[in-house]
Protein backbone atom coordinates (compact mmCIF):
# COMPACT_ATOMS: atom_id res chain seq x y z
CA UNK A 1 -186.09 -63.99 32.88
CA UNK A 2 -187.23 -63.69 29.22
CA UNK A 3 -185.30 -65.81 26.72
CA UNK A 4 -184.24 -62.80 24.66
CA UNK A 5 -182.53 -61.26 27.70
CA UNK A 6 -180.64 -64.49 28.27
CA UNK A 7 -179.47 -64.43 24.65
CA UNK A 8 -177.95 -60.96 25.06
CA UNK A 9 -175.94 -61.77 28.20
CA UNK A 10 -172.21 -62.43 27.95
CA UNK A 11 -171.00 -64.43 30.93
CA UNK A 12 -167.84 -63.67 32.87
CA UNK A 13 -166.14 -66.73 31.43
CA UNK A 14 -166.48 -65.49 27.87
CA UNK A 15 -165.13 -62.06 28.77
CA UNK A 16 -162.18 -63.73 30.52
CA UNK A 17 -161.50 -65.87 27.45
CA UNK A 18 -161.57 -62.83 25.16
CA UNK A 19 -159.06 -61.03 27.38
CA UNK A 20 -156.87 -64.14 27.58
CA UNK A 21 -156.70 -64.42 23.79
CA UNK A 22 -155.88 -60.73 23.43
CA UNK A 23 -153.05 -61.12 25.91
CA UNK A 24 -151.71 -64.12 24.02
CA UNK A 25 -151.40 -61.86 20.95
CA UNK A 26 -149.84 -59.14 23.09
CA UNK A 27 -147.15 -61.57 24.24
CA UNK A 28 -146.43 -62.52 20.65
CA UNK A 29 -145.81 -58.82 19.91
CA UNK A 30 -143.94 -58.28 23.20
CA UNK A 31 -146.41 -55.61 24.31
CA UNK A 32 -146.40 -54.69 27.98
CA UNK A 33 -149.74 -52.96 27.48
CA UNK A 34 -152.32 -52.27 24.80
CA UNK A 35 -154.31 -49.05 24.37
CA UNK A 36 -157.68 -49.94 22.83
CA UNK A 37 -159.65 -47.06 21.28
CA UNK A 38 -161.97 -48.73 18.75
CA UNK A 39 -165.47 -48.67 20.33
CA UNK A 40 -166.20 -52.13 18.89
CA UNK A 41 -163.15 -53.49 20.70
CA UNK A 42 -164.12 -51.73 23.93
CA UNK A 43 -167.51 -53.42 23.64
CA UNK A 44 -165.93 -56.80 22.89
CA UNK A 45 -163.63 -56.71 25.91
CA UNK A 46 -165.85 -54.99 28.48
CA UNK A 47 -169.41 -54.63 27.16
CA UNK A 48 -169.13 -50.83 27.27
CA UNK A 49 -171.78 -49.41 24.95
CA UNK A 50 -172.54 -45.69 24.62
CA UNK A 51 -172.49 -42.93 22.02
CA UNK A 52 -169.38 -41.47 23.63
CA UNK A 53 -166.75 -42.34 21.05
CA UNK A 54 -166.77 -38.82 19.59
CA UNK A 55 -164.66 -37.75 22.56
CA UNK A 56 -161.37 -39.46 23.54
CA UNK A 57 -161.80 -42.77 25.36
CA UNK A 58 -159.82 -45.98 25.63
CA UNK A 59 -159.19 -49.18 27.52
CA UNK A 60 -155.66 -49.73 28.80
CA UNK A 61 -154.92 -53.46 28.95
CA UNK A 62 -151.71 -54.27 30.84
CA UNK A 63 -150.15 -57.62 30.05
CA UNK A 64 -150.49 -58.35 33.78
CA UNK A 65 -153.10 -56.70 35.96
CA UNK A 66 -156.61 -55.43 35.43
CA UNK A 67 -157.81 -53.43 32.39
CA UNK A 68 -158.82 -49.83 33.03
CA UNK A 69 -161.40 -47.82 31.09
CA UNK A 70 -160.89 -44.08 30.51
CA UNK A 71 -163.69 -41.81 29.31
CA UNK A 72 -165.15 -38.36 29.73
CA UNK A 73 -166.39 -38.01 33.33
CA UNK A 74 -170.06 -37.90 32.38
CA UNK A 75 -169.61 -41.05 30.28
CA UNK A 76 -167.54 -42.85 32.89
CA UNK A 77 -170.52 -42.46 35.21
CA UNK A 78 -172.65 -44.40 32.75
CA UNK A 79 -170.10 -47.13 32.07
CA UNK A 80 -171.22 -49.06 35.14
CA UNK A 81 -174.56 -49.69 33.42
CA UNK A 82 -173.03 -51.60 30.51
CA UNK A 83 -169.47 -52.72 31.16
CA UNK A 84 -168.06 -55.58 33.23
CA UNK A 85 -165.43 -53.53 35.10
CA UNK A 86 -165.52 -52.56 38.75
CA UNK A 87 -165.83 -48.90 39.74
CA UNK A 88 -162.12 -48.61 40.56
CA UNK A 89 -161.28 -49.71 36.99
CA UNK A 90 -163.29 -46.86 35.43
CA UNK A 91 -161.79 -43.38 35.23
CA UNK A 92 -163.46 -40.16 34.13
CA UNK A 93 -161.33 -37.26 32.96
CA UNK A 94 -162.44 -33.72 33.87
CA UNK A 95 -164.91 -31.85 31.69
CA UNK A 96 -162.43 -28.98 31.37
CA UNK A 97 -160.28 -31.14 29.07
CA UNK A 98 -162.99 -31.52 26.41
CA UNK A 99 -162.31 -29.66 23.14
CA UNK A 100 -159.34 -27.64 24.31
CA UNK A 101 -156.57 -26.54 21.92
CA UNK A 102 -153.87 -26.41 24.61
CA UNK A 103 -154.44 -29.68 26.49
CA UNK A 104 -155.83 -33.10 25.56
CA UNK A 105 -157.67 -35.81 27.52
CA UNK A 106 -154.87 -38.26 26.68
CA UNK A 107 -152.49 -36.08 28.71
CA UNK A 108 -154.62 -36.96 31.74
CA UNK A 109 -155.07 -40.59 30.65
CA UNK A 110 -151.33 -41.09 30.17
CA UNK A 111 -150.57 -39.76 33.65
CA UNK A 112 -152.68 -42.52 35.21
CA UNK A 113 -151.63 -45.17 32.68
CA UNK A 114 -147.98 -44.68 33.71
CA UNK A 115 -148.84 -46.39 36.99
CA UNK A 116 -150.33 -49.39 35.18
CA UNK A 117 -147.47 -50.16 32.78
CA UNK A 118 -143.99 -51.28 33.91
CA UNK A 119 -141.28 -48.90 32.75
CA UNK A 120 -139.58 -49.65 29.47
CA UNK A 121 -142.34 -51.89 28.11
CA UNK A 122 -143.62 -51.65 24.53
CA UNK A 123 -147.12 -50.18 24.34
CA UNK A 124 -149.39 -51.13 21.48
CA UNK A 125 -151.97 -48.66 20.21
CA UNK A 126 -154.72 -48.86 17.59
CA UNK A 127 -153.17 -46.56 15.03
CA UNK A 128 -155.93 -46.97 12.46
CA UNK A 129 -158.91 -46.79 14.82
CA UNK A 130 -161.38 -44.21 13.55
CA UNK A 131 -161.56 -42.30 16.84
CA UNK A 132 -157.89 -42.34 17.83
CA UNK A 133 -156.65 -39.02 16.51
CA UNK A 134 -153.17 -37.73 15.76
CA UNK A 135 -153.43 -35.42 18.79
CA UNK A 136 -154.39 -38.40 20.95
CA UNK A 137 -151.28 -40.27 19.80
CA UNK A 138 -149.00 -37.29 20.43
CA UNK A 139 -150.44 -36.74 23.91
CA UNK A 140 -150.11 -40.43 24.76
CA UNK A 141 -146.57 -40.58 23.43
CA UNK A 142 -145.51 -37.45 25.34
CA UNK A 143 -147.19 -38.77 28.48
CA UNK A 144 -145.38 -42.13 28.37
CA UNK A 145 -141.77 -41.02 27.86
CA UNK A 146 -140.29 -44.27 29.15
CA UNK A 147 -142.15 -46.39 26.60
CA UNK A 148 -142.05 -46.99 22.88
CA UNK A 149 -145.46 -46.91 21.19
CA UNK A 150 -146.07 -49.46 18.42
CA UNK A 151 -149.07 -49.79 16.12
CA UNK A 152 -150.96 -52.93 17.18
CA UNK A 153 -152.31 -53.48 13.64
CA UNK A 154 -155.91 -54.44 14.56
CA UNK A 155 -154.76 -56.94 17.17
CA UNK A 156 -158.13 -57.14 18.94
CA UNK A 157 -160.02 -57.16 15.62
CA UNK A 158 -158.19 -60.34 14.62
CA UNK A 159 -159.03 -61.96 17.96
CA UNK A 160 -162.69 -61.16 17.21
CA UNK A 161 -162.55 -62.96 13.86
CA UNK A 162 -163.86 -66.35 15.05
CA UNK A 163 -167.18 -65.91 16.84
CA UNK A 164 -168.35 -67.67 19.97
CA UNK A 165 -171.76 -69.43 20.10
CA UNK A 166 -173.14 -66.33 21.84
CA UNK A 167 -171.90 -64.08 19.06
CA UNK A 168 -173.26 -66.34 16.34
CA UNK A 169 -176.69 -66.18 17.95
CA UNK A 170 -176.50 -62.37 18.01
CA UNK A 171 -175.67 -62.42 14.30
CA UNK A 172 -178.60 -64.72 13.52
CA UNK A 173 -180.97 -62.34 15.27
CA UNK A 174 -179.40 -59.41 13.41
CA UNK A 175 -180.02 -61.33 10.18
CA UNK A 176 -183.72 -61.70 10.96
CA UNK A 177 -183.94 -57.93 11.50
CA UNK A 178 -182.07 -57.24 8.25
CA UNK A 179 -184.42 -59.50 6.33
CA UNK A 180 -187.50 -57.75 7.68
CA UNK A 181 -186.07 -54.29 6.96
CA UNK A 182 -185.15 -55.29 3.40
CA UNK A 183 -188.59 -56.74 2.71
CA UNK A 184 -190.12 -53.44 3.80
CA UNK A 185 -187.64 -51.47 1.68
CA UNK A 186 -188.32 -53.48 -1.47
CA UNK A 187 -192.10 -53.48 -0.97
CA UNK A 188 -192.36 -49.76 -0.28
CA UNK A 189 -190.05 -48.48 -3.02
CA UNK A 190 -192.61 -47.10 -5.50
CA UNK A 191 -192.57 -44.41 -8.21
CA UNK A 192 -193.28 -40.91 -6.95
CA UNK A 193 -192.38 -41.61 -3.36
CA UNK A 194 -189.63 -39.50 -1.87
CA UNK A 195 -186.39 -41.27 -1.08
CA UNK A 196 -186.35 -39.81 2.44
CA UNK A 197 -189.81 -41.23 3.17
CA UNK A 198 -188.66 -44.75 2.30
CA UNK A 199 -185.52 -44.32 4.41
CA UNK A 200 -187.70 -43.29 7.36
CA UNK A 201 -189.47 -46.65 7.08
CA UNK A 202 -186.15 -48.51 6.83
CA UNK A 203 -184.77 -46.75 9.90
CA UNK A 204 -187.95 -47.52 11.80
CA UNK A 205 -187.76 -51.18 10.78
CA UNK A 206 -184.14 -51.36 11.93
CA UNK A 207 -185.06 -49.96 15.35
CA UNK A 208 -188.28 -51.97 15.78
CA UNK A 209 -186.60 -55.23 14.80
CA UNK A 210 -188.88 -58.25 15.01
CA UNK A 211 -191.64 -59.18 17.46
CA UNK A 212 -189.09 -61.32 19.30
CA UNK A 213 -186.10 -58.96 19.32
CA UNK A 214 -185.82 -55.19 19.15
CA UNK A 215 -183.24 -53.66 16.83
CA UNK A 216 -180.33 -51.29 17.36
CA UNK A 217 -178.89 -48.35 15.42
CA UNK A 218 -176.63 -49.30 12.48
CA UNK A 219 -173.01 -48.29 12.08
CA UNK A 220 -173.87 -47.09 8.56
CA UNK A 221 -177.11 -45.43 7.51
CA UNK A 222 -179.19 -46.97 4.70
CA UNK A 223 -177.63 -46.43 1.29
CA UNK A 224 -179.76 -46.37 -1.85
CA UNK A 225 -178.21 -44.84 -4.97
CA UNK A 226 -180.89 -44.60 -7.63
CA UNK A 227 -181.11 -43.93 -11.37
CA UNK A 228 -177.83 -42.86 -12.95
CA UNK A 229 -176.27 -42.73 -9.46
CA UNK A 230 -176.86 -46.47 -9.01
CA UNK A 231 -173.49 -47.01 -10.68
CA UNK A 232 -171.79 -45.46 -7.63
CA UNK A 233 -171.76 -47.15 -4.22
CA UNK A 234 -172.12 -45.56 -0.77
CA UNK A 235 -174.55 -42.77 -1.70
CA UNK A 236 -177.33 -42.16 0.79
CA UNK A 237 -180.62 -40.40 -0.05
CA UNK A 238 -182.26 -37.13 -1.03
CA UNK A 239 -185.81 -35.81 -0.93
CA UNK A 240 -186.29 -36.50 -4.64
CA UNK A 241 -188.92 -39.03 -5.71
CA UNK A 242 -188.17 -42.45 -7.15
CA UNK A 243 -188.84 -42.53 -10.90
CA UNK A 244 -190.38 -45.13 -13.12
CA UNK A 245 -187.67 -46.68 -15.30
CA UNK A 246 -184.93 -46.35 -12.67
CA UNK A 247 -183.13 -49.02 -10.68
CA UNK A 248 -182.16 -48.52 -7.03
CA UNK A 249 -179.57 -50.46 -5.07
CA UNK A 250 -180.40 -50.78 -1.37
CA UNK A 251 -177.81 -51.60 1.29
CA UNK A 252 -178.74 -51.75 4.97
CA UNK A 253 -178.04 -53.80 8.08
CA UNK A 254 -179.96 -55.49 10.80
CA UNK A 255 -178.36 -54.88 14.20
CA UNK A 256 -178.79 -56.70 17.49
CA UNK A 257 -176.57 -56.15 20.51
CA UNK A 258 -174.17 -54.20 18.23
CA UNK A 259 -173.74 -57.24 15.93
CA UNK A 260 -174.41 -56.38 12.29
CA UNK A 261 -175.87 -58.39 9.42
CA UNK A 262 -175.54 -56.23 6.27
CA UNK A 263 -177.74 -56.97 3.27
CA UNK A 264 -178.10 -55.54 -0.26
CA UNK A 265 -180.66 -55.93 -3.03
CA UNK A 266 -181.63 -54.09 -6.22
CA UNK A 267 -185.12 -52.89 -7.16
CA UNK A 268 -186.17 -51.96 -10.71
CA UNK A 269 -189.20 -49.75 -11.27
CA UNK A 270 -190.66 -50.78 -14.61
CA UNK A 271 -189.31 -53.00 -17.37
CA UNK A 272 -185.60 -53.64 -16.76
CA UNK A 273 -183.10 -53.13 -19.58
CA UNK A 274 -181.46 -56.23 -21.01
CA UNK A 275 -178.05 -55.39 -19.55
CA UNK A 276 -179.51 -55.25 -16.03
CA UNK A 277 -181.44 -58.52 -16.25
CA UNK A 278 -178.43 -60.35 -17.71
CA UNK A 279 -176.07 -58.92 -15.09
CA UNK A 280 -178.51 -59.94 -12.35
CA UNK A 281 -178.52 -63.52 -13.65
CA UNK A 282 -174.74 -63.67 -13.80
CA UNK A 283 -174.35 -62.22 -10.31
CA UNK A 284 -176.89 -64.70 -8.91
CA UNK A 285 -174.87 -67.51 -10.49
CA UNK A 286 -171.74 -65.97 -9.01
CA UNK A 287 -173.37 -65.82 -5.57
CA UNK A 288 -174.20 -69.53 -5.75
CA UNK A 289 -170.60 -70.34 -6.68
CA UNK A 290 -169.27 -68.09 -3.92
CA UNK A 291 -171.43 -69.62 -1.21
CA UNK A 292 -170.55 -73.12 -2.37
CA UNK A 293 -166.85 -72.23 -2.12
CA UNK A 294 -167.09 -71.05 1.49
CA UNK A 295 -166.05 -73.71 3.98
CA UNK A 296 -163.40 -74.19 6.67
CA UNK A 297 -159.83 -74.58 5.42
CA UNK A 298 -160.15 -72.71 2.12
CA UNK A 299 -158.40 -69.39 1.58
CA UNK A 300 -160.21 -66.12 1.13
CA UNK A 301 -158.64 -65.73 -2.31
CA UNK A 302 -160.08 -69.08 -3.44
CA UNK A 303 -163.57 -67.87 -2.52
CA UNK A 304 -162.99 -64.75 -4.60
CA UNK A 305 -161.77 -66.90 -7.48
CA UNK A 306 -165.03 -68.89 -7.50
CA UNK A 307 -166.99 -65.70 -8.16
CA UNK A 308 -164.45 -64.26 -10.56
CA UNK A 309 -164.47 -67.40 -12.72
CA UNK A 310 -168.24 -67.08 -13.17
CA UNK A 311 -168.38 -63.44 -14.16
CA UNK A 312 -165.31 -63.55 -16.40
CA UNK A 313 -166.95 -66.31 -18.42
CA UNK A 314 -169.69 -63.79 -19.18
CA UNK A 315 -167.34 -60.94 -20.03
CA UNK A 316 -167.72 -59.09 -16.70
CA UNK A 317 -165.07 -57.89 -14.26
CA UNK A 318 -165.16 -56.65 -10.68
CA UNK A 319 -162.14 -54.78 -9.35
CA UNK A 320 -163.22 -54.41 -5.72
CA UNK A 321 -163.31 -57.14 -3.08
CA UNK A 322 -166.40 -59.34 -2.85
CA UNK A 323 -166.67 -59.52 0.92
CA UNK A 324 -165.22 -58.77 4.32
CA UNK A 325 -165.52 -59.99 7.92
CA UNK A 326 -168.36 -58.68 10.07
CA UNK A 327 -169.46 -58.78 13.69
CA UNK A 328 -169.60 -55.91 16.17
CA UNK A 329 -170.02 -52.50 14.54
CA UNK A 330 -170.02 -48.84 15.52
CA UNK A 331 -170.09 -45.78 13.25
CA UNK A 332 -168.66 -45.24 10.76
CA UNK A 333 -168.22 -48.90 9.70
CA UNK A 334 -169.75 -52.33 10.23
CA UNK A 335 -166.74 -54.23 8.87
CA UNK A 336 -164.11 -55.73 11.19
CA UNK A 337 -161.14 -54.51 9.07
CA UNK A 338 -159.51 -57.96 8.98
CA UNK A 339 -160.16 -60.56 6.25
CA UNK A 340 -161.32 -59.49 2.79
CA UNK A 341 -162.49 -61.87 0.06
CA UNK A 342 -160.11 -60.77 -2.70
CA UNK A 343 -157.06 -61.91 -4.69
CA UNK A 344 -153.87 -62.56 -2.69
CA UNK A 345 -155.77 -62.87 0.62
CA UNK A 346 -154.27 -66.06 2.00
CA UNK A 347 -156.13 -66.20 5.33
CA UNK A 348 -157.83 -69.56 5.76
CA UNK A 349 -161.50 -69.55 6.64
CA UNK A 350 -162.55 -71.24 9.88
CA UNK A 351 -165.88 -72.22 11.40
CA UNK A 352 -167.30 -69.27 13.31
CA UNK A 353 -166.08 -66.53 10.97
CA UNK A 354 -168.76 -64.22 9.58
CA UNK A 355 -168.70 -62.31 6.29
CA UNK A 356 -170.69 -59.83 4.26
CA UNK A 357 -170.52 -61.29 0.77
CA UNK A 358 -171.21 -58.23 -1.34
CA UNK A 359 -171.36 -58.59 -5.12
CA UNK A 360 -171.73 -55.00 -6.25
CA UNK A 361 -171.36 -54.35 -9.99
CA UNK A 362 -170.96 -50.61 -10.47
CA UNK A 363 -171.03 -49.62 -14.12
CA UNK A 364 -171.05 -46.34 -16.01
CA UNK A 365 -174.40 -44.78 -15.12
CA UNK A 366 -176.00 -47.94 -13.73
CA UNK A 367 -175.34 -50.65 -11.20
CA UNK A 368 -176.50 -53.87 -9.59
CA UNK A 369 -175.98 -55.03 -6.03
CA UNK A 370 -176.62 -58.35 -4.31
CA UNK A 371 -175.22 -59.34 -0.93
CA UNK A 372 -175.58 -61.88 1.85
CA UNK A 373 -174.42 -61.96 5.48
CA UNK A 374 -173.09 -65.45 6.16
CA UNK A 375 -171.33 -67.54 8.80
CA UNK A 376 -168.74 -70.20 8.04
CA UNK A 377 -170.09 -73.43 9.52
CA UNK A 378 -168.27 -76.72 10.14
CA UNK A 379 -169.58 -78.10 6.85
CA UNK A 380 -169.91 -75.03 4.64
CA UNK A 381 -171.85 -71.81 4.92
CA UNK A 382 -174.88 -70.60 6.86
CA UNK A 383 -176.96 -67.76 5.42
CA UNK A 384 -178.29 -65.30 7.98
CA UNK A 385 -181.21 -64.19 5.78
CA UNK A 386 -183.62 -65.94 3.48
CA UNK A 387 -184.41 -63.65 0.57
CA UNK A 388 -184.33 -64.55 -3.15
CA UNK A 389 -181.26 -63.61 -5.15
CA UNK A 390 -183.16 -62.30 -8.17
CA UNK A 391 -183.58 -58.72 -9.29
CA UNK A 392 -186.73 -57.25 -7.72
CA UNK A 393 -188.96 -55.84 -10.44
CA UNK A 394 -191.94 -53.60 -9.70
CA UNK A 395 -193.91 -53.07 -12.92
């Protein structure tokens, strides 16, 4: 069997350990069952991987007994190809329940889930999961009248925070794909070329991956605000050409086995203005200080402070966080929604955590962005890419 296939495999022991740790958290919250709707958490616990999250689906995890996956019937048929559950643990609701105003798939799901959960038990649900709707909650609540539903507050996400050796290897491969895609993006960003044409090359690079490992689709499409819009994050692209004299911030991710390594750089077409070159130098200094501060046992707020001390000495301020935990990602987000590198975040870093350190400086009419995907190692920090931290200038 090829080595890259071996790298992708998750053995039964790791899945069992993941489920054990989730149940430990469930006991702490006195949950008799947990309803998991976040597709990243479904993948983490079962390996289920499909573009089916736009319709209601979930994993019901009883505190005792086997987990059961619920999905649209046509998707349940495909679950056997990716997930670690037996056929009798996979349930497909009828097609007639899809997109109906009078009934909801969670009515059907709840009817079966009642047999899995002892009466009177608390049931946790992922209240902030992107694909768990208000109607889903109401249908689940009405269908489990003998239970009280409680928001689980990203319970599984927090279990995912410290990565296994398998997961760390997935992230390293994702980093190699991100690096290749970013090199292509920076090299091919030239005056007169349409933004959409460059994005087509980035998307191709993300899918092609490297000669050793093919890529996967990202949870977020490439973002590249340019010109005056570079002072605003999260903009995508148009069909307008890149212009000489403009700067463009590029943010993308390499993806392997659903694990994401996000990466950001800034490209200047022509001679950069003084404010941009000076900001780039300060941010690079801040990145060095930030990476030096990352190690097991320190708090997330102390990492933020290391960056903040650098930029404040140069008269700059950054209101937004400077990083967040990463790992498995599905649209619309590649963040884990747990630890953020920001003031008052008292979570202690531990070996095996992974972060997107993103130092975006968004000003009035211009901006600069530099980021790194990193892993907390036993002795400090491991970068997942190897690109310079300087402003890229194309004269």
